[in-house]
Amino acid sequence: MQALTEELDELTDRLEAELKTCKESGCQYAENEAEYRKALRIAILNERQKGMPVTIIGDVCRGQEQIAEAKRRRDCSEAIYKASQEAINVIKLRIRMVDAQITRIWNSGDVTQGGYL
């Protein structure tokens, strides 16, 4: 039982750390998304003023080096954010499994001195 409670404590600590990472990466993702969209819109407006055909303007602007770099930063931060979300889900699942094991042991009456509580 002691090993399970220690594992639960470790998982809780990992969850808190991953939540912090998720928050930070989510904020970075939002920032990068806003920068990318702003840069793309400005480039599109500039090309419209030059008289570029609307049918190809988006493709031309996305091909610009600064726009492509902004998109790369956005995509990387999105991947980190989503990976962090998945890690949180895995840790939460493991916490539920350990908690269920503790509950089974507790309800079986097979709790020794210094058990779960």
N, C-alpha and C. Protein backbone atom coordinates (compact mmCIF):
# COMPACT_ATOMS: atom_id res chain seq x y z
N MET A 1 0.83 -1.19 0.00
CA MET A 1 0.00 0.00 0.00
C MET A 1 0.87 1.25 0.00
N GLN A 2 1.97 1.21 0.75
CA GLN A 2 2.87 2.35 0.82
C GLN A 2 3.43 2.69 -0.56
N ALA A 3 3.77 1.66 -1.33
CA ALA A 3 4.31 1.89 -2.68
C ALA A 3 3.27 2.58 -3.57
N LEU A 4 2.02 2.20 -3.40
CA LEU A 4 0.97 2.82 -4.21
C LEU A 4 0.77 4.28 -3.84
N THR A 5 0.81 4.59 -2.55
CA THR A 5 0.63 5.99 -2.14
C THR A 5 1.83 6.83 -2.59
N GLU A 6 3.02 6.23 -2.57
CA GLU A 6 4.19 6.95 -3.07
C GLU A 6 4.08 7.18 -4.58
N GLU A 7 3.59 6.18 -5.29
CA GLU A 7 3.39 6.33 -6.74
C GLU A 7 2.35 7.40 -7.02
N LEU A 8 1.29 7.42 -6.23
CA LEU A 8 0.25 8.43 -6.40
C LEU A 8 0.82 9.83 -6.17
N ASP A 9 1.64 9.98 -5.15
CA ASP A 9 2.27 11.28 -4.89
C ASP A 9 3.17 11.69 -6.05
N GLU A 10 3.95 10.75 -6.57
CA GLU A 10 4.84 11.03 -7.70
C GLU A 10 4.03 11.42 -8.94
N LEU A 11 2.96 10.70 -9.20
CA LEU A 11 2.12 11.02 -10.36
C LEU A 11 1.47 12.39 -10.21
N THR A 12 1.07 12.72 -9.01
CA THR A 12 0.47 14.04 -8.75
C THR A 12 1.49 15.14 -9.03
N ASP A 13 2.72 14.93 -8.58
CA ASP A 13 3.78 15.91 -8.85
C ASP A 13 4.04 16.05 -10.35
N ARG A 14 4.09 14.92 -11.05
CA ARG A 14 4.30 14.95 -12.50
C ARG A 14 3.16 15.67 -13.20
N LEU A 15 1.93 15.43 -12.73
CA LEU A 15 0.77 16.08 -13.32
C LEU A 15 0.86 17.60 -13.15
N GLU A 16 1.21 18.03 -11.96
CA GLU A 16 1.33 19.47 -11.71
C GLU A 16 2.41 20.10 -12.61
N ALA A 17 3.53 19.41 -12.77
CA ALA A 17 4.59 19.92 -13.63
C ALA A 17 4.14 19.97 -15.09
N GLU A 18 3.43 18.94 -15.53
CA GLU A 18 2.96 18.90 -16.92
C GLU A 18 1.89 19.95 -17.17
N LEU A 19 1.06 20.22 -16.17
CA LEU A 19 0.05 21.27 -16.31
C LEU A 19 0.72 22.63 -16.49
N LYS A 20 1.80 22.85 -15.77
CA LYS A 20 2.55 24.10 -15.91
C LYS A 20 3.14 24.19 -17.32
N THR A 21 3.71 23.09 -17.80
CA THR A 21 4.26 23.05 -19.15
C THR A 21 3.18 23.32 -20.18
N CYS A 22 2.02 22.71 -19.98
CA CYS A 22 0.90 22.88 -20.92
C CYS A 22 0.45 24.34 -20.96
N LYS A 23 0.39 24.96 -19.81
CA LYS A 23 -0.01 26.37 -19.75
C LYS A 23 0.99 27.23 -20.51
N GLU A 24 2.28 27.01 -20.25
CA GLU A 24 3.31 27.81 -20.91
C GLU A 24 3.32 27.56 -22.42
N SER A 25 3.22 26.30 -22.82
CA SER A 25 3.25 25.99 -24.26
C SER A 25 1.97 26.46 -24.94
N GLY A 26 0.85 26.43 -24.22
CA GLY A 26 -0.41 26.94 -24.78
C GLY A 26 -0.35 28.44 -25.01
N CYS A 27 0.26 29.16 -24.08
CA CYS A 27 0.41 30.61 -24.25
C CYS A 27 1.34 30.91 -25.41
N GLN A 28 2.42 30.15 -25.54
CA GLN A 28 3.36 30.34 -26.65
C GLN A 28 2.68 30.02 -27.98
N TYR A 29 1.89 28.97 -27.99
CA TYR A 29 1.16 28.61 -29.21
C TYR A 29 0.21 29.73 -29.62
N ALA A 30 -0.53 30.27 -28.68
CA ALA A 30 -1.47 31.35 -28.98
C ALA A 30 -0.73 32.58 -29.51
N GLU A 31 0.41 32.89 -28.90
CA GLU A 31 1.22 34.02 -29.34
C GLU A 31 1.72 33.80 -30.78
N ASN A 32 2.25 32.62 -31.04
CA ASN A 32 2.76 32.31 -32.38
C ASN A 32 1.65 32.28 -33.42
N GLU A 33 0.49 31.79 -33.03
CA GLU A 33 -0.66 31.76 -33.95
C GLU A 33 -1.06 33.19 -34.33
N ALA A 34 -1.10 34.07 -33.34
CA ALA A 34 -1.47 35.47 -33.60
C ALA A 34 -0.43 36.15 -34.51
N GLU A 35 0.85 35.91 -34.25
CA GLU A 35 1.91 36.50 -35.08
C GLU A 35 1.80 36.00 -36.53
N TYR A 36 1.58 34.72 -36.69
CA TYR A 36 1.46 34.14 -38.03
C TYR A 36 0.28 34.75 -38.78
N ARG A 37 -0.87 34.77 -38.14
CA ARG A 37 -2.06 35.30 -38.81
C ARG A 37 -1.91 36.78 -39.17
N LYS A 38 -1.30 37.54 -38.26
CA LYS A 38 -1.09 38.96 -38.51
C LYS A 38 -0.15 39.16 -39.70
N ALA A 39 0.97 38.43 -39.70
CA ALA A 39 1.93 38.55 -40.80
C ALA A 39 1.30 38.14 -42.13
N LEU A 40 0.51 37.08 -42.11
CA LEU A 40 -0.15 36.61 -43.33
C LEU A 40 -1.15 37.65 -43.85
N ARG A 41 -1.94 38.21 -42.94
CA ARG A 41 -2.93 39.21 -43.36
C ARG A 41 -2.27 40.44 -43.95
N ILE A 42 -1.19 40.89 -43.32
CA ILE A 42 -0.48 42.07 -43.82
C ILE A 42 0.08 41.79 -45.21
N ALA A 43 0.68 40.62 -45.38
CA ALA A 43 1.24 40.25 -46.68
C ALA A 43 0.15 40.17 -47.75
N ILE A 44 -0.98 39.62 -47.39
CA ILE A 44 -2.10 39.51 -48.34
C ILE A 44 -2.59 40.91 -48.75
N LEU A 45 -2.72 41.80 -47.76
CA LEU A 45 -3.15 43.17 -48.08
C LEU A 45 -2.15 43.87 -48.99
N ASN A 46 -0.87 43.68 -48.71
CA ASN A 46 0.16 44.29 -49.56
C ASN A 46 0.08 43.77 -50.99
N GLU A 47 -0.12 42.47 -51.15
CA GLU A 47 -0.20 41.90 -52.49
C GLU A 47 -1.47 42.34 -53.21
N ARG A 48 -2.55 42.51 -52.47
CA ARG A 48 -3.80 43.00 -53.09
C ARG A 48 -3.60 44.41 -53.64
N GLN A 49 -2.88 45.23 -52.86
CA GLN A 49 -2.62 46.61 -53.31
C GLN A 49 -1.78 46.64 -54.58
N LYS A 50 -0.95 45.61 -54.75
CA LYS A 50 -0.12 45.53 -55.96
C LYS A 50 -0.91 44.98 -57.14
N GLY A 51 -2.13 44.51 -56.89
CA GLY A 51 -2.97 44.00 -57.96
C GLY A 51 -2.81 42.52 -58.25
N MET A 52 -2.25 41.76 -57.33
CA MET A 52 -2.08 40.32 -57.54
C MET A 52 -3.46 39.65 -57.58
N PRO A 53 -3.63 38.67 -58.48
CA PRO A 53 -4.92 37.95 -58.55
C PRO A 53 -5.26 37.25 -57.23
N VAL A 54 -6.49 37.37 -56.82
CA VAL A 54 -6.95 36.82 -55.56
C VAL A 54 -6.80 35.30 -55.51
N THR A 55 -6.88 34.66 -56.64
CA THR A 55 -6.84 33.19 -56.68
C THR A 55 -5.50 32.61 -56.23
N ILE A 56 -4.42 33.37 -56.37
CA ILE A 56 -3.10 32.84 -55.98
C ILE A 56 -2.45 33.60 -54.83
N ILE A 57 -3.10 34.63 -54.35
CA ILE A 57 -2.48 35.50 -53.36
C ILE A 57 -2.10 34.77 -52.06
N GLY A 58 -2.96 33.88 -51.60
CA GLY A 58 -2.66 33.15 -50.37
C GLY A 58 -1.43 32.26 -50.50
N ASP A 59 -1.33 31.56 -51.62
CA ASP A 59 -0.19 30.68 -51.86
C ASP A 59 1.11 31.48 -51.97
N VAL A 60 1.06 32.60 -52.67
CA VAL A 60 2.25 33.44 -52.82
C VAL A 60 2.71 33.97 -51.47
N CYS A 61 1.77 34.43 -50.67
CA CYS A 61 2.13 34.99 -49.36
C CYS A 61 2.67 33.92 -48.42
N ARG A 62 2.08 32.72 -48.45
CA ARG A 62 2.58 31.64 -47.58
C ARG A 62 3.98 31.20 -47.99
N GLY A 63 4.36 31.48 -49.22
CA GLY A 63 5.68 31.12 -49.69
C GLY A 63 6.76 32.11 -49.29
N GLN A 64 6.36 33.25 -48.78
CA GLN A 64 7.35 34.24 -48.34
C GLN A 64 8.09 33.72 -47.11
N GLU A 65 9.39 34.02 -47.06
CA GLU A 65 10.24 33.47 -46.01
C GLU A 65 9.76 33.82 -44.60
N GLN A 66 9.40 35.06 -44.35
CA GLN A 66 8.97 35.47 -43.01
C GLN A 66 7.65 34.80 -42.62
N ILE A 67 6.76 34.63 -43.58
CA ILE A 67 5.48 33.98 -43.32
C ILE A 67 5.71 32.50 -43.04
N ALA A 68 6.56 31.87 -43.84
CA ALA A 68 6.87 30.45 -43.65
C ALA A 68 7.52 30.22 -42.29
N GLU A 69 8.39 31.12 -41.86
CA GLU A 69 9.04 30.99 -40.55
C GLU A 69 8.02 31.16 -39.42
N ALA A 70 7.11 32.12 -39.57
CA ALA A 70 6.06 32.30 -38.55
C ALA A 70 5.18 31.06 -38.47
N LYS A 71 4.88 30.46 -39.61
CA LYS A 71 4.07 29.24 -39.63
C LYS A 71 4.81 28.08 -38.98
N ARG A 72 6.13 27.99 -39.23
CA ARG A 72 6.93 26.93 -38.61
C ARG A 72 6.94 27.06 -37.09
N ARG A 73 7.12 28.29 -36.60
CA ARG A 73 7.10 28.52 -35.14
C ARG A 73 5.74 28.15 -34.57
N ARG A 74 4.69 28.54 -35.29
CA ARG A 74 3.33 28.22 -34.85
C ARG A 74 3.12 26.71 -34.80
N ASP A 75 3.54 26.01 -35.84
CA ASP A 75 3.36 24.56 -35.91
C ASP A 75 4.16 23.83 -34.83
N CYS A 76 5.37 24.29 -34.57
CA CYS A 76 6.20 23.67 -33.52
C CYS A 76 5.57 23.86 -32.15
N SER A 77 5.12 25.07 -31.86
CA SER A 77 4.53 25.32 -30.55
C SER A 77 3.20 24.56 -30.41
N GLU A 78 2.48 24.38 -31.49
CA GLU A 78 1.24 23.60 -31.46
C GLU A 78 1.55 22.13 -31.13
N ALA A 79 2.61 21.60 -31.73
CA ALA A 79 2.99 20.20 -31.48
C ALA A 79 3.38 20.00 -30.02
N ILE A 80 4.12 20.93 -29.46
CA ILE A 80 4.53 20.83 -28.05
C ILE A 80 3.30 20.91 -27.15
N TYR A 81 2.40 21.82 -27.45
CA TYR A 81 1.18 21.98 -26.67
C TYR A 81 0.33 20.72 -26.70
N LYS A 82 0.15 20.15 -27.87
CA LYS A 82 -0.67 18.94 -27.99
C LYS A 82 0.00 17.73 -27.33
N ALA A 83 1.32 17.64 -27.41
CA ALA A 83 2.03 16.56 -26.74
C ALA A 83 1.88 16.69 -25.23
N SER A 84 1.90 17.90 -24.73
CA SER A 84 1.71 18.13 -23.30
C SER A 84 0.30 17.73 -22.87
N GLN A 85 -0.68 18.03 -23.70
CA GLN A 85 -2.06 17.62 -23.39
C GLN A 85 -2.17 16.10 -23.31
N GLU A 86 -1.53 15.41 -24.24
CA GLU A 86 -1.56 13.94 -24.23
C GLU A 86 -0.85 13.39 -22.99
N ALA A 87 0.26 13.99 -22.61
CA ALA A 87 0.97 13.55 -21.41
C ALA A 87 0.08 13.71 -20.17
N ILE A 88 -0.64 14.80 -20.12
CA ILE A 88 -1.57 15.03 -19.01
C ILE A 88 -2.63 13.94 -18.97
N ASN A 89 -3.18 13.59 -20.12
CA ASN A 89 -4.19 12.54 -20.17
C ASN A 89 -3.64 11.20 -19.70
N VAL A 90 -2.41 10.88 -20.09
CA VAL A 90 -1.78 9.62 -19.67
C VAL A 90 -1.57 9.62 -18.15
N ILE A 91 -1.07 10.72 -17.61
CA ILE A 91 -0.84 10.79 -16.16
C ILE A 91 -2.16 10.69 -15.41
N LYS A 92 -3.19 11.38 -15.89
CA LYS A 92 -4.49 11.30 -15.23
C LYS A 92 -5.04 9.88 -15.24
N LEU A 93 -4.87 9.18 -16.35
CA LEU A 93 -5.32 7.79 -16.43
C LEU A 93 -4.57 6.93 -15.42
N ARG A 94 -3.26 7.11 -15.34
CA ARG A 94 -2.46 6.34 -14.38
C ARG A 94 -2.87 6.65 -12.94
N ILE A 95 -3.17 7.91 -12.66
CA ILE A 95 -3.64 8.28 -11.31
C ILE A 95 -4.94 7.56 -11.00
N ARG A 96 -5.86 7.51 -11.96
CA ARG A 96 -7.14 6.81 -11.74
C ARG A 96 -6.90 5.32 -11.49
N MET A 97 -5.93 4.74 -12.21
CA MET A 97 -5.65 3.31 -12.02
C MET A 97 -5.06 3.05 -10.64
N VAL A 98 -4.14 3.89 -10.21
CA VAL A 98 -3.53 3.71 -8.89
C VAL A 98 -4.58 3.94 -7.81
N ASP A 99 -5.41 4.95 -8.00
CA ASP A 99 -6.47 5.22 -7.03
C ASP A 99 -7.43 4.04 -6.93
N ALA A 100 -7.75 3.42 -8.05
CA ALA A 100 -8.64 2.25 -8.04
C ALA A 100 -7.97 1.09 -7.30
N GLN A 101 -6.66 0.91 -7.50
CA GLN A 101 -5.96 -0.14 -6.76
C GLN A 101 -6.00 0.12 -5.26
N ILE A 102 -5.78 1.35 -4.89
CA ILE A 102 -5.82 1.71 -3.46
C ILE A 102 -7.21 1.46 -2.90
N THR A 103 -8.23 1.85 -3.64
CA THR A 103 -9.61 1.65 -3.19
C THR A 103 -9.93 0.16 -3.03
N ARG A 104 -9.48 -0.67 -3.99
CA ARG A 104 -9.71 -2.11 -3.88
C ARG A 104 -9.05 -2.68 -2.62
N ILE A 105 -7.82 -2.27 -2.38
CA ILE A 105 -7.12 -2.76 -1.20
C ILE A 105 -7.82 -2.27 0.06
N TRP A 106 -8.18 -1.01 0.07
CA TRP A 106 -8.85 -0.43 1.24
C TRP A 106 -10.17 -1.13 1.52
N ASN A 107 -10.96 -1.36 0.47
CA ASN A 107 -12.28 -1.99 0.64
C ASN A 107 -12.19 -3.47 0.97
N SER A 108 -11.06 -4.09 0.65
CA SER A 108 -10.91 -5.52 0.95
C SER A 108 -10.64 -5.76 2.43
N GLY A 109 -10.33 -4.72 3.15
CA GLY A 109 -10.03 -4.86 4.57
C GLY A 109 -8.60 -5.32 4.82
N ASP A 110 -7.80 -5.40 3.78
CA ASP A 110 -6.43 -5.87 3.90
C ASP A 110 -5.47 -4.69 4.05
N VAL A 111 -5.83 -3.77 4.94
CA VAL A 111 -5.01 -2.59 5.17
C VAL A 111 -4.26 -2.79 6.48
N THR A 112 -2.95 -2.68 6.39
CA THR A 112 -2.11 -2.86 7.58
C THR A 112 -1.92 -1.54 8.28
N GLN A 113 -1.30 -1.57 9.42
CA GLN A 113 -0.99 -0.37 10.20
C GLN A 113 -0.23 0.64 9.32
N GLY A 114 -0.61 1.91 9.38
CA GLY A 114 0.06 2.92 8.60
C GLY A 114 -0.31 2.87 7.13
N GLY A 115 -1.53 2.46 6.84
CA GLY A 115 -1.98 2.29 5.45
C GLY A 115 -2.26 3.61 4.75
N TYR A 116 -3.30 3.60 3.95
CA TYR A 116 -3.61 4.67 3.02
C TYR A 116 -3.84 6.00 3.73
N LEU A 117 -4.59 6.01 4.81
CA LEU A 117 -4.92 7.28 5.48
C LEU A 117 -4.01 7.57 6.64
